[in-house]
Amino acid sequence: MIKFAAAGIAAASLVALSAGAASAASLGGDAFAGNCHAYILPYSDMYAYGHVDGPANECKVDLWQVNTQTGGRTHTGWGGGANTWPEYHNDGVHKLYVEVLDINTNQVGWGPLVF
């Protein structure tokens, strides 16, 4: 019984490490839905893009840009792969957040606003 418990703890540690490593360079904005995890990655000093981890063909990500002065919003649309197109941010006016969709469970999640 102790062998199985130790193996389970070791496996859980590997999963936690791999999930953390995937988003190590992330700007934050983590969003979760079903088996999917989306977050924002830097593209350049002024641009960032949405990225999603999860089973292939199950997870979609959409990156939203918010103008904090006007309240206007734009978005990239659901990414065809693991990444979206980059959006402008980091100017004190625009913030970004991701929306994630698990198409198998039909669950949707949103991350917090980030610069």
PDB file of N, CA and C in Angstrom:
ATOM      1  N   MET A   1       0.822  -1.184   0.000  1.00  0.00           N
ATOM      2  CA  MET A   1       0.000   0.000   0.000  1.00  0.00           C
ATOM      3  C   MET A   1       0.871   1.255   0.000  1.00  0.00           C
ATOM      4  N   ILE A   2       1.959   1.246   0.741  1.00  0.00           N
ATOM      5  CA  ILE A   2       2.838   2.414   0.798  1.00  0.00           C
ATOM      6  C   ILE A   2       3.491   2.650  -0.562  1.00  0.00           C
ATOM      7  N   LYS A   3       3.847   1.557  -1.281  1.00  0.00           N
ATOM      8  CA  LYS A   3       4.432   1.693  -2.608  1.00  0.00           C
ATOM      9  C   LYS A   3       3.495   2.452  -3.538  1.00  0.00           C
ATOM     10  N   PHE A   4       2.215   2.079  -3.511  1.00  0.00           N
ATOM     11  CA  PHE A   4       1.240   2.723  -4.394  1.00  0.00           C
ATOM     12  C   PHE A   4       1.056   4.188  -4.025  1.00  0.00           C
ATOM     13  N   ALA A   5       1.030   4.498  -2.747  1.00  0.00           N
ATOM     14  CA  ALA A   5       0.880   5.888  -2.305  1.00  0.00           C
ATOM     15  C   ALA A   5       2.074   6.719  -2.763  1.00  0.00           C
ATOM     16  N   ALA A   6       3.281   6.172  -2.619  1.00  0.00           N
ATOM     17  CA  ALA A   6       4.483   6.888  -3.043  1.00  0.00           C
ATOM     18  C   ALA A   6       4.480   7.102  -4.551  1.00  0.00           C
ATOM     19  N   ALA A   7       4.048   6.087  -5.301  1.00  0.00           N
ATOM     20  CA  ALA A   7       3.979   6.221  -6.759  1.00  0.00           C
ATOM     21  C   ALA A   7       2.967   7.294  -7.149  1.00  0.00           C
ATOM     22  N   GLY A   8       1.851   7.345  -6.447  1.00  0.00           N
ATOM     23  CA  GLY A   8       0.825   8.359  -6.729  1.00  0.00           C
ATOM     24  C   GLY A   8       1.321   9.756  -6.443  1.00  0.00           C
ATOM     25  N   ILE A   9       2.038   9.918  -5.341  1.00  0.00           N
ATOM     26  CA  ILE A   9       2.598  11.227  -4.990  1.00  0.00           C
ATOM     27  C   ILE A   9       3.632  11.649  -6.029  1.00  0.00           C
ATOM     28  N   ALA A  10       4.479  10.719  -6.455  1.00  0.00           N
ATOM     29  CA  ALA A  10       5.491  11.033  -7.467  1.00  0.00           C
ATOM     30  C   ALA A  10       4.832  11.429  -8.780  1.00  0.00           C
ATOM     31  N   ALA A  11       3.799  10.706  -9.187  1.00  0.00           N
ATOM     32  CA  ALA A  11       3.096  11.031 -10.437  1.00  0.00           C
ATOM     33  C   ALA A  11       2.432  12.396 -10.336  1.00  0.00           C
ATOM     34  N   ALA A  12       1.814  12.689  -9.213  1.00  0.00           N
ATOM     35  CA  ALA A  12       1.161  13.992  -9.025  1.00  0.00           C
ATOM     36  C   ALA A  12       2.184  15.118  -9.069  1.00  0.00           C
ATOM     37  N   SER A  13       3.370  14.883  -8.513  1.00  0.00           N
ATOM     38  CA  SER A  13       4.418  15.897  -8.539  1.00  0.00           C
ATOM     39  C   SER A  13       4.862  16.185  -9.963  1.00  0.00           C
ATOM     40  N   LEU A  14       4.984  15.137 -10.787  1.00  0.00           N
ATOM     41  CA  LEU A  14       5.378  15.330 -12.175  1.00  0.00           C
ATOM     42  C   LEU A  14       4.333  16.128 -12.935  1.00  0.00           C
ATOM     43  N   VAL A  15       3.070  15.836 -12.702  1.00  0.00           N
ATOM     44  CA  VAL A  15       2.000  16.580 -13.364  1.00  0.00           C
ATOM     45  C   VAL A  15       2.059  18.045 -12.948  1.00  0.00           C
ATOM     46  N   ALA A  16       2.231  18.316 -11.673  1.00  0.00           N
ATOM     47  CA  ALA A  16       2.289  19.696 -11.185  1.00  0.00           C
ATOM     48  C   ALA A  16       3.482  20.428 -11.784  1.00  0.00           C
ATOM     49  N   LEU A  17       4.625  19.759 -11.871  1.00  0.00           N
ATOM     50  CA  LEU A  17       5.803  20.395 -12.437  1.00  0.00           C
ATOM     51  C   LEU A  17       5.617  20.686 -13.910  1.00  0.00           C
ATOM     52  N   SER A  18       5.032  19.744 -14.657  1.00  0.00           N
ATOM     53  CA  SER A  18       4.874  19.978 -16.081  1.00  0.00           C
ATOM     54  C   SER A  18       3.876  21.096 -16.336  1.00  0.00           C
ATOM     55  N   ALA A  19       2.828  21.208 -15.537  1.00  0.00           N
ATOM     56  CA  ALA A  19       1.855  22.291 -15.709  1.00  0.00           C
ATOM     57  C   ALA A  19       2.498  23.632 -15.383  1.00  0.00           C
ATOM     58  N   GLY A  20       3.335  23.673 -14.363  1.00  0.00           N
ATOM     59  CA  GLY A  20       4.003  24.914 -14.000  1.00  0.00           C
ATOM     60  C   GLY A  20       5.029  25.329 -15.038  1.00  0.00           C
ATOM     61  N   ALA A  21       5.733  24.369 -15.597  1.00  0.00           N
ATOM     62  CA  ALA A  21       6.744  24.676 -16.594  1.00  0.00           C
ATOM     63  C   ALA A  21       6.117  25.225 -17.866  1.00  0.00           C
ATOM     64  N   ALA A  22       4.921  24.769 -18.203  1.00  0.00           N
ATOM     65  CA  ALA A  22       4.265  25.218 -19.428  1.00  0.00           C
ATOM     66  C   ALA A  22       3.960  26.702 -19.376  1.00  0.00           C
ATOM     67  N   SER A  23       3.690  27.225 -18.194  1.00  0.00           N
ATOM     68  CA  SER A  23       3.315  28.631 -18.095  1.00  0.00           C
ATOM     69  C   SER A  23       4.373  29.472 -17.374  1.00  0.00           C
ATOM     70  N   ALA A  24       5.602  28.987 -17.320  1.00  0.00           N
ATOM     71  CA  ALA A  24       6.648  29.688 -16.577  1.00  0.00           C
ATOM     72  C   ALA A  24       6.900  31.095 -17.117  1.00  0.00           C
ATOM     73  N   ALA A  25       6.822  31.290 -18.428  1.00  0.00           N
ATOM     74  CA  ALA A  25       7.065  32.607 -19.029  1.00  0.00           C
ATOM     75  C   ALA A  25       5.774  33.401 -19.185  1.00  0.00           C
ATOM     76  N   SER A  26       4.707  32.900 -18.629  1.00  0.00           N
ATOM     77  CA  SER A  26       3.384  33.496 -18.785  1.00  0.00           C
ATOM     78  C   SER A  26       3.290  34.873 -18.145  1.00  0.00           C
ATOM     79  N   LEU A  27       2.434  35.715 -18.721  1.00  0.00           N
ATOM     80  CA  LEU A  27       2.105  37.004 -18.116  1.00  0.00           C
ATOM     81  C   LEU A  27       0.965  36.846 -17.120  1.00  0.00           C
ATOM     82  N   GLY A  28       0.427  35.652 -17.018  1.00  0.00           N
ATOM     83  CA  GLY A  28      -0.684  35.376 -16.109  1.00  0.00           C
ATOM     84  C   GLY A  28      -1.982  35.250 -16.865  1.00  0.00           C
ATOM     85  N   GLY A  29      -3.066  35.583 -16.178  1.00  0.00           N
ATOM     86  CA  GLY A  29      -4.375  35.511 -16.803  1.00  0.00           C
ATOM     87  C   GLY A  29      -4.908  34.107 -16.940  1.00  0.00           C
ATOM     88  N   ASP A  30      -4.483  33.201 -16.061  1.00  0.00           N
ATOM     89  CA  ASP A  30      -4.870  31.797 -16.172  1.00  0.00           C
ATOM     90  C   ASP A  30      -6.379  31.609 -16.178  1.00  0.00           C
ATOM     91  N   ALA A  31      -6.843  30.772 -17.112  1.00  0.00           N
ATOM     92  CA  ALA A  31      -8.254  30.408 -17.215  1.00  0.00           C
ATOM     93  C   ALA A  31      -8.337  28.899 -17.394  1.00  0.00           C
ATOM     94  N   PHE A  32      -9.336  28.288 -16.778  1.00  0.00           N
ATOM     95  CA  PHE A  32      -9.498  26.842 -16.824  1.00  0.00           C
ATOM     96  C   PHE A  32     -10.913  26.480 -17.243  1.00  0.00           C
ATOM     97  N   ALA A  33     -11.037  25.415 -18.041  1.00  0.00           N
ATOM     98  CA  ALA A  33     -12.339  24.866 -18.430  1.00  0.00           C
ATOM     99  C   ALA A  33     -12.132  23.394 -18.769  1.00  0.00           C
ATOM    100  N   GLY A  34     -12.789  22.514 -18.032  1.00  0.00           N
ATOM    101  CA  GLY A  34     -12.642  21.082 -18.292  1.00  0.00           C
ATOM    102  C   GLY A  34     -11.191  20.657 -18.234  1.00  0.00           C
ATOM    103  N   ASN A  35     -10.693  20.094 -19.344  1.00  0.00           N
ATOM    104  CA  ASN A  35      -9.309  19.624 -19.428  1.00  0.00           C
ATOM    105  C   ASN A  35      -8.361  20.669 -20.004  1.00  0.00           C
ATOM    106  N   CYS A  36      -8.792  21.912 -20.085  1.00  0.00           N
ATOM    107  CA  CYS A  36      -8.029  22.956 -20.774  1.00  0.00           C
ATOM    108  C   CYS A  36      -7.536  24.039 -19.812  1.00  0.00           C
ATOM    109  N   HIS A  37      -6.352  24.561 -20.110  1.00  0.00           N
ATOM    110  CA  HIS A  37      -5.731  25.641 -19.329  1.00  0.00           C
ATOM    111  C   HIS A  37      -5.194  26.667 -20.320  1.00  0.00           C
ATOM    112  N   ALA A  38      -5.703  27.879 -20.260  1.00  0.00           N
ATOM    113  CA  ALA A  38      -5.239  28.949 -21.148  1.00  0.00           C
ATOM    114  C   ALA A  38      -4.584  30.050 -20.331  1.00  0.00           C
ATOM    115  N   TYR A  39      -3.664  30.767 -20.963  1.00  0.00           N
ATOM    116  CA  TYR A  39      -2.970  31.867 -20.308  1.00  0.00           C
ATOM    117  C   TYR A  39      -2.370  32.769 -21.378  1.00  0.00           C
ATOM    118  N   ILE A  40      -1.788  33.870 -20.952  1.00  0.00           N
ATOM    119  CA  ILE A  40      -1.249  34.874 -21.867  1.00  0.00           C
ATOM    120  C   ILE A  40       0.276  34.803 -21.867  1.00  0.00           C
ATOM    121  N   LEU A  41       0.843  34.776 -23.070  1.00  0.00           N
ATOM    122  CA  LEU A  41       2.294  34.735 -23.237  1.00  0.00           C
ATOM    123  C   LEU A  41       2.776  35.995 -23.944  1.00  0.00           C
ATOM    124  N   PRO A  42       3.978  36.471 -23.601  1.00  0.00           N
ATOM    125  CA  PRO A  42       4.508  37.656 -24.277  1.00  0.00           C
ATOM    126  C   PRO A  42       4.886  37.341 -25.722  1.00  0.00           C
ATOM    127  N   TYR A  43       4.605  38.271 -26.613  1.00  0.00           N
ATOM    128  CA  TYR A  43       5.013  38.169 -28.019  1.00  0.00           C
ATOM    129  C   TYR A  43       6.156  39.152 -28.281  1.00  0.00           C
ATOM    130  N   SER A  44       6.014  40.347 -27.723  1.00  0.00           N
ATOM    131  CA  SER A  44       7.051  41.386 -27.781  1.00  0.00           C
ATOM    132  C   SER A  44       6.790  42.328 -26.609  1.00  0.00           C
ATOM    133  N   ASP A  45       7.490  43.446 -26.559  1.00  0.00           N
ATOM    134  CA  ASP A  45       7.286  44.388 -25.454  1.00  0.00           C
ATOM    135  C   ASP A  45       5.855  44.902 -25.383  1.00  0.00           C
ATOM    136  N   MET A  46       5.209  45.076 -26.519  1.00  0.00           N
ATOM    137  CA  MET A  46       3.881  45.693 -26.563  1.00  0.00           C
ATOM    138  C   MET A  46       2.766  44.738 -26.995  1.00  0.00           C
ATOM    139  N   TYR A  47       3.093  43.502 -27.312  1.00  0.00           N
ATOM    140  CA  TYR A  47       2.088  42.547 -27.783  1.00  0.00           C
ATOM    141  C   TYR A  47       2.178  41.250 -26.986  1.00  0.00           C
ATOM    142  N   ALA A  48       1.045  40.569 -26.894  1.00  0.00           N
ATOM    143  CA  ALA A  48       0.990  39.263 -26.239  1.00  0.00           C
ATOM    144  C   ALA A  48      -0.047  38.419 -26.972  1.00  0.00           C
ATOM    145  N   TYR A  49      -0.021  37.113 -26.730  1.00  0.00           N
ATOM    146  CA  TYR A  49      -0.973  36.219 -27.379  1.00  0.00           C
ATOM    147  C   TYR A  49      -1.509  35.209 -26.375  1.00  0.00           C
ATOM    148  N   GLY A  50      -2.644  34.636 -26.699  1.00  0.00           N
ATOM    149  CA  GLY A  50      -3.235  33.608 -25.856  1.00  0.00           C
ATOM    150  C   GLY A  50      -2.703  32.242 -26.242  1.00  0.00           C
ATOM    151  N   HIS A  51      -2.523  31.389 -25.259  1.00  0.00           N
ATOM    152  CA  HIS A  51      -2.037  30.019 -25.478  1.00  0.00           C
ATOM    153  C   HIS A  51      -2.902  29.074 -24.653  1.00  0.00           C
ATOM    154  N   VAL A  52      -3.128  27.875 -25.164  1.00  0.00           N
ATOM    155  CA  VAL A  52      -3.919  26.887 -24.436  1.00  0.00           C
ATOM    156  C   VAL A  52      -3.173  25.563 -24.383  1.00  0.00           C
ATOM    157  N   ASP A  53      -3.212  24.925 -23.221  1.00  0.00           N
ATOM    158  CA  ASP A  53      -2.689  23.576 -23.019  1.00  0.00           C
ATOM    159  C   ASP A  53      -3.867  22.652 -22.788  1.00  0.00           C
ATOM    160  N   GLY A  54      -3.770  21.449 -23.308  1.00  0.00           N
ATOM    161  CA  GLY A  54      -4.817  20.458 -23.104  1.00  0.00           C
ATOM    162  C   GLY A  54      -4.815  19.484 -24.265  1.00  0.00           C
ATOM    163  N   PRO A  55      -5.732  18.521 -24.232  1.00  0.00           N
ATOM    164  CA  PRO A  55      -5.792  17.522 -25.299  1.00  0.00           C
ATOM    165  C   PRO A  55      -5.998  18.171 -26.675  1.00  0.00           C
ATOM    166  N   ALA A  56      -5.275  17.664 -27.663  1.00  0.00           N
ATOM    167  CA  ALA A  56      -5.394  18.190 -29.029  1.00  0.00           C
ATOM    168  C   ALA A  56      -6.830  18.077 -29.513  1.00  0.00           C
ATOM    169  N   ASN A  57      -7.268  19.063 -30.262  1.00  0.00           N
ATOM    170  CA  ASN A  57      -8.620  19.128 -30.838  1.00  0.00           C
ATOM    171  C   ASN A  57      -9.724  19.201 -29.796  1.00  0.00           C
ATOM    172  N   GLU A  58      -9.391  19.460 -28.542  1.00  0.00           N
ATOM    173  CA  GLU A  58     -10.409  19.597 -27.501  1.00  0.00           C
ATOM    174  C   GLU A  58     -10.469  21.016 -26.953  1.00  0.00           C
ATOM    175  N   CYS A  59      -9.350  21.732 -26.968  1.00  0.00           N
ATOM    176  CA  CYS A  59      -9.256  23.031 -26.300  1.00  0.00           C
ATOM    177  C   CYS A  59      -9.113  24.167 -27.306  1.00  0.00           C
ATOM    178  N   LYS A  60      -9.849  25.234 -27.071  1.00  0.00           N
ATOM    179  CA  LYS A  60      -9.785  26.444 -27.899  1.00  0.00           C
ATOM    180  C   LYS A  60      -9.519  27.638 -26.994  1.00  0.00           C
ATOM    181  N   VAL A  61      -8.833  28.647 -27.525  1.00  0.00           N
ATOM    182  CA  VAL A  61      -8.534  29.861 -26.764  1.00  0.00           C
ATOM    183  C   VAL A  61      -8.885  31.083 -27.610  1.00  0.00           C
ATOM    184  N   ASP A  62      -9.410  32.108 -26.961  1.00  0.00           N
ATOM    185  CA  ASP A  62      -9.748  33.385 -27.587  1.00  0.00           C
ATOM    186  C   ASP A  62      -9.125  34.477 -26.719  1.00  0.00           C
ATOM    187  N   LEU A  63      -8.373  35.385 -27.327  1.00  0.00           N
ATOM    188  CA  LEU A  63      -7.723  36.480 -26.601  1.00  0.00           C
ATOM    189  C   LEU A  63      -8.542  37.750 -26.769  1.00  0.00           C
ATOM    190  N   TRP A  64      -8.890  38.365 -25.656  1.00  0.00           N
ATOM    191  CA  TRP A  64      -9.674  39.599 -25.644  1.00  0.00           C
ATOM    192  C   TRP A  64      -8.798  40.769 -25.237  1.00  0.00           C
ATOM    193  N   GLN A  65      -8.993  41.907 -25.907  1.00  0.00           N
ATOM    194  CA  GLN A  65      -8.307  43.157 -25.590  1.00  0.00           C
ATOM    195  C   GLN A  65      -9.366  44.162 -25.137  1.00  0.00           C
ATOM    196  N   VAL A  66      -9.111  44.824 -24.014  1.00  0.00           N
ATOM    197  CA  VAL A  66     -10.045  45.807 -23.460  1.00  0.00           C
ATOM    198  C   VAL A  66      -9.355  47.163 -23.400  1.00  0.00           C
ATOM    199  N   ASN A  67     -10.017  48.188 -23.912  1.00  0.00           N
ATOM    200  CA  ASN A  67      -9.540  49.559 -23.779  1.00  0.00           C
ATOM    201  C   ASN A  67     -10.136  50.096 -22.483  1.00  0.00           C
ATOM    202  N   THR A  68      -9.295  50.346 -21.481  1.00  0.00           N
ATOM    203  CA  THR A  68      -9.791  50.750 -20.160  1.00  0.00           C
ATOM    204  C   THR A  68     -10.336  52.173 -20.142  1.00  0.00           C
ATOM    205  N   GLN A  69     -10.051  52.973 -21.170  1.00  0.00           N
ATOM    206  CA  GLN A  69     -10.574  54.343 -21.223  1.00  0.00           C
ATOM    207  C   GLN A  69     -11.957  54.409 -21.864  1.00  0.00           C
ATOM    208  N   THR A  70     -12.182  53.588 -22.892  1.00  0.00           N
ATOM    209  CA  THR A  70     -13.460  53.637 -23.611  1.00  0.00           C
ATOM    210  C   THR A  70     -14.369  52.456 -23.296  1.00  0.00           C
ATOM    211  N   GLY A  71     -13.788  51.377 -22.749  1.00  0.00           N
ATOM    212  CA  GLY A  71     -14.562  50.162 -22.506  1.00  0.00           C
ATOM    213  C   GLY A  71     -14.701  49.291 -23.742  1.00  0.00           C
ATOM    214  N   GLY A  72     -14.133  49.731 -24.856  1.00  0.00           N
ATOM    215  CA  GLY A  72     -14.209  48.957 -26.095  1.00  0.00           C
ATOM    216  C   GLY A  72     -13.457  47.639 -25.982  1.00  0.00           C
ATOM    217  N   ARG A  73     -13.943  46.635 -26.708  1.00  0.00           N
ATOM    218  CA  ARG A  73     -13.322  45.307 -26.685  1.00  0.00           C
ATOM    219  C   ARG A  73     -13.148  44.786 -28.105  1.00  0.00           C
ATOM    220  N   THR A  74     -12.046  44.089 -28.326  1.00  0.00           N
ATOM    221  CA  THR A  74     -11.827  43.343 -29.560  1.00  0.00           C
ATOM    222  C   THR A  74     -11.324  41.971 -29.158  1.00  0.00           C
ATOM    223  N   HIS A  75     -11.412  41.015 -30.074  1.00  0.00           N
ATOM    224  CA  HIS A  75     -10.878  39.691 -29.764  1.00  0.00           C
ATOM    225  C   HIS A  75     -10.399  39.004 -31.029  1.00  0.00           C
ATOM    226  N   THR A  76      -9.586  37.987 -30.837  1.00  0.00           N
ATOM    227  CA  THR A  76      -8.951  37.287 -31.948  1.00  0.00           C
ATOM    228  C   THR A  76      -9.853  36.232 -32.562  1.00  0.00           C
ATOM    229  N   GLY A  77     -10.862  35.788 -31.848  1.00  0.00           N
ATOM    230  CA  GLY A  77     -11.631  34.627 -32.290  1.00  0.00           C
ATOM    231  C   GLY A  77     -10.963  33.367 -31.770  1.00  0.00           C
ATOM    232  N   TRP A  78     -11.695  32.274 -31.811  1.00  0.00           N
ATOM    233  CA  TRP A  78     -11.155  31.007 -31.305  1.00  0.00           C
ATOM    234  C   TRP A  78      -9.967  30.595 -32.141  1.00  0.00           C
ATOM    235  N   GLY A  79      -8.843  30.363 -31.484  1.00  0.00           N
ATOM    236  CA  GLY A  79      -7.630  29.951 -32.176  1.00  0.00           C
ATOM    237  C   GLY A  79      -7.800  28.592 -32.837  1.00  0.00           C
ATOM    238  N   GLY A  80      -7.216  28.443 -34.015  1.00  0.00           N
ATOM    239  CA  GLY A  80      -7.285  27.170 -34.721  1.00  0.00           C
ATOM    240  C   GLY A  80      -6.287  26.165 -34.177  1.00  0.00           C
ATOM    241  N   GLY A  81      -5.375  26.615 -33.362  1.00  0.00           N
ATOM    242  CA  GLY A  81      -4.377  25.746 -32.761  1.00  0.00           C
ATOM    243  C   GLY A  81      -4.202  26.123 -31.311  1.00  0.00           C
ATOM    244  N   ALA A  82      -2.983  26.013 -30.826  1.00  0.00           N
ATOM    245  CA  ALA A  82      -2.719  26.297 -29.418  1.00  0.00           C
ATOM    246  C   ALA A  82      -2.521  27.783 -29.142  1.00  0.00           C
ATOM    247  N   ASN A  83      -2.379  28.610 -30.194  1.00  0.00           N
ATOM    248  CA  ASN A  83      -2.091  30.031 -30.005  1.00  0.00           C
ATOM    249  C   ASN A  83      -3.071  30.917 -30.769  1.00  0.00           C
ATOM    250  N   THR A  84      -3.238  32.149 -30.284  1.00  0.00           N
ATOM    251  CA  THR A  84      -4.037  33.149 -30.985  1.00  0.00           C
ATOM    252  C   THR A  84      -3.105  34.125 -31.690  1.00  0.00           C
ATOM    253  N   TRP A  85      -3.680  35.041 -32.448  1.00  0.00           N
ATOM    254  CA  TRP A  85      -2.917  36.163 -32.972  1.00  0.00           C
ATOM    255  C   TRP A  85      -2.555  37.072 -31.802  1.00  0.00           C
ATOM    256  N   PRO A  86      -1.458  37.811 -31.895  1.00  0.00           N
ATOM    257  CA  PRO A  86      -1.108  38.741 -30.816  1.00  0.00           C
ATOM    258  C   PRO A  86      -2.031  39.961 -30.791  1.00  0.00           C
ATOM    259  N   GLU A  87      -2.178  40.536 -29.617  1.00  0.00           N
ATOM    260  CA  GLU A  87      -2.941  41.768 -29.423  1.00  0.00           C
ATOM    261  C   GLU A  87      -2.050  42.776 -28.693  1.00  0.00           C
ATOM    262  N   TYR A  88      -2.308  44.061 -28.938  1.00  0.00           N
ATOM    263  CA  TYR A  88      -1.561  45.165 -28.352  1.00  0.00           C
ATOM    264  C   TYR A  88      -1.937  45.345 -26.876  1.00  0.00           C
ATOM    265  N   HIS A  89      -0.965  45.649 -26.042  1.00  0.00           N
ATOM    266  CA  HIS A  89      -1.193  45.897 -24.613  1.00  0.00           C
ATOM    267  C   HIS A  89       0.033  46.602 -24.037  1.00  0.00           C
ATOM    268  N   ASN A  90       0.108  46.700 -22.739  1.00  0.00           N
ATOM    269  CA  ASN A  90       1.283  47.217 -22.028  1.00  0.00           C
ATOM    270  C   ASN A  90       1.518  48.704 -22.291  1.00  0.00           C
ATOM    271  N   ASP A  91       0.435  49.455 -22.485  1.00  0.00           N
ATOM    272  CA  ASP A  91       0.560  50.888 -22.714  1.00  0.00           C
ATOM    273  C   ASP A  91      -0.178  51.703 -21.658  1.00  0.00           C
ATOM    274  N   GLY A  92      -0.676  51.044 -20.621  1.00  0.00           N
ATOM    275  CA  GLY A  92      -1.426  51.722 -19.581  1.00  0.00           C
ATOM    276  C   GLY A  92      -2.891  51.911 -19.912  1.00  0.00           C
ATOM    277  N   VAL A  93      -3.294  51.573 -21.133  1.00  0.00           N
ATOM    278  CA  VAL A  93      -4.683  51.737 -21.568  1.00  0.00           C
ATOM    279  C   VAL A  93      -5.335  50.387 -21.870  1.00  0.00           C
ATOM    280  N   HIS A  94      -4.610  49.512 -22.548  1.00  0.00           N
ATOM    281  CA  HIS A  94      -5.172  48.236 -22.973  1.00  0.00           C
ATOM    282  C   HIS A  94      -4.798  47.107 -22.015  1.00  0.00           C
ATOM    283  N   LYS A  95      -5.779  46.265 -21.719  1.00  0.00           N
ATOM    284  CA  LYS A  95      -5.561  45.056 -20.927  1.00  0.00           C
ATOM    285  C   LYS A  95      -6.045  43.860 -21.734  1.00  0.00           C
ATOM    286  N   LEU A  96      -5.541  42.691 -21.377  1.00  0.00           N
ATOM    287  CA  LEU A  96      -5.897  41.462 -22.081  1.00  0.00           C
ATOM    288  C   LEU A  96      -6.466  40.434 -21.119  1.00  0.00           C
ATOM    289  N   TYR A  97      -7.311  39.562 -21.641  1.00  0.00           N
ATOM    290  CA  TYR A  97      -7.725  38.369 -20.908  1.00  0.00           C
ATOM    291  C   TYR A  97      -8.027  37.266 -21.900  1.00  0.00           C
ATOM    292  N   VAL A  98      -7.968  36.021 -21.436  1.00  0.00           N
ATOM    293  CA  VAL A  98      -8.258  34.882 -22.301  1.00  0.00           C
ATOM    294  C   VAL A  98      -9.581  34.247 -21.910  1.00  0.00           C
ATOM    295  N   GLU A  99     -10.205  33.672 -22.914  1.00  0.00           N
ATOM    296  CA  GLU A  99     -11.398  32.843 -22.744  1.00  0.00           C
ATOM    297  C   GLU A  99     -10.996  31.465 -23.252  1.00  0.00           C
ATOM    298  N   VAL A 100     -11.343  30.430 -22.525  1.00  0.00           N
ATOM    299  CA  VAL A 100     -10.969  29.076 -22.913  1.00  0.00           C
ATOM    300  C   VAL A 100     -12.223  28.218 -23.018  1.00  0.00           C
ATOM    301  N   LEU A 101     -12.230  27.309 -24.001  1.00  0.00           N
ATOM    302  CA  LEU A 101     -13.365  26.424 -24.249  1.00  0.00           C
ATOM    303  C   LEU A 101     -12.884  24.991 -24.348  1.00  0.00           C
ATOM    304  N   ASP A 102     -13.522  24.104 -23.594  1.00  0.00           N
ATOM    305  CA  ASP A 102     -13.321  22.666 -23.741  1.00  0.00           C
ATOM    306  C   ASP A 102     -14.502  22.177 -24.572  1.00  0.00           C
ATOM    307  N   ILE A 103     -14.261  21.852 -25.857  1.00  0.00           N
ATOM    308  CA  ILE A 103     -15.371  21.517 -26.745  1.00  0.00           C
ATOM    309  C   ILE A 103     -16.013  20.175 -26.415  1.00  0.00           C
ATOM    310  N   ASN A 104     -15.309  19.302 -25.707  1.00  0.00           N
ATOM    311  CA  ASN A 104     -15.899  18.012 -25.330  1.00  0.00           C
ATOM    312  C   ASN A 104     -16.877  18.136 -24.170  1.00  0.00           C
ATOM    313  N   THR A 105     -16.599  19.033 -23.237  1.00  0.00           N
ATOM    314  CA  THR A 105     -17.485  19.192 -22.074  1.00  0.00           C
ATOM    315  C   THR A 105     -18.362  20.434 -22.200  1.00  0.00           C
ATOM    316  N   ASN A 106     -18.084  21.274 -23.215  1.00  0.00           N
ATOM    317  CA  ASN A 106     -18.796  22.532 -23.435  1.00  0.00           C
ATOM    318  C   ASN A 106     -18.628  23.507 -22.263  1.00  0.00           C
ATOM    319  N   GLN A 107     -17.527  23.375 -21.522  1.00  0.00           N
ATOM    320  CA  GLN A 107     -17.231  24.290 -20.421  1.00  0.00           C
ATOM    321  C   GLN A 107     -16.421  25.473 -20.951  1.00  0.00           C
ATOM    322  N   VAL A 108     -16.692  26.648 -20.403  1.00  0.00           N
ATOM    323  CA  VAL A 108     -15.996  27.874 -20.783  1.00  0.00           C
ATOM    324  C   VAL A 108     -15.444  28.525 -19.519  1.00  0.00           C
ATOM    325  N   GLY A 109     -14.254  29.094 -19.604  1.00  0.00           N
ATOM    326  CA  GLY A 109     -13.663  29.813 -18.477  1.00  0.00           C
ATOM    327  C   GLY A 109     -13.007  31.091 -18.960  1.00  0.00           C
ATOM    328  N   TRP A 110     -12.915  32.067 -18.069  1.00  0.00           N
ATOM    329  CA  TRP A 110     -12.294  33.354 -18.375  1.00  0.00           C
ATOM    330  C   TRP A 110     -11.220  33.641 -17.348  1.00  0.00           C
ATOM    331  N   GLY A 111     -10.120  34.215 -17.814  1.00  0.00           N
ATOM    332  CA  GLY A 111      -9.053  34.636 -16.920  1.00  0.00           C
ATOM    333  C   GLY A 111      -9.221  36.092 -16.534  1.00  0.00           C
ATOM    334  N   PRO A 112      -8.448  36.549 -15.557  1.00  0.00           N
ATOM    335  CA  PRO A 112      -8.501  37.951 -15.132  1.00  0.00           C
ATOM    336  C   PRO A 112      -7.800  38.865 -16.144  1.00  0.00           C
ATOM    337  N   LEU A 113      -8.095  40.142 -16.068  1.00  0.00           N
ATOM    338  CA  LEU A 113      -7.422  41.131 -16.913  1.00  0.00           C
ATOM    339  C   LEU A 113      -5.957  41.253 -16.506  1.00  0.00           C
ATOM    340  N   VAL A 114      -5.077  41.325 -17.492  1.00  0.00           N
ATOM    341  CA  VAL A 114      -3.652  41.547 -17.252  1.00  0.00           C
ATOM    342  C   VAL A 114      -3.155  42.595 -18.237  1.00  0.00           C
ATOM    343  N   PHE A 115      -2.070  43.303 -17.871  1.00  0.00           N
ATOM    344  CA  PHE A 115      -1.475  44.273 -18.794  1.00  0.00           C
ATOM    345  C   PHE A 115      -0.609  43.563 -19.792  1.00  0.00           C
TER     346      PHE A 115
END
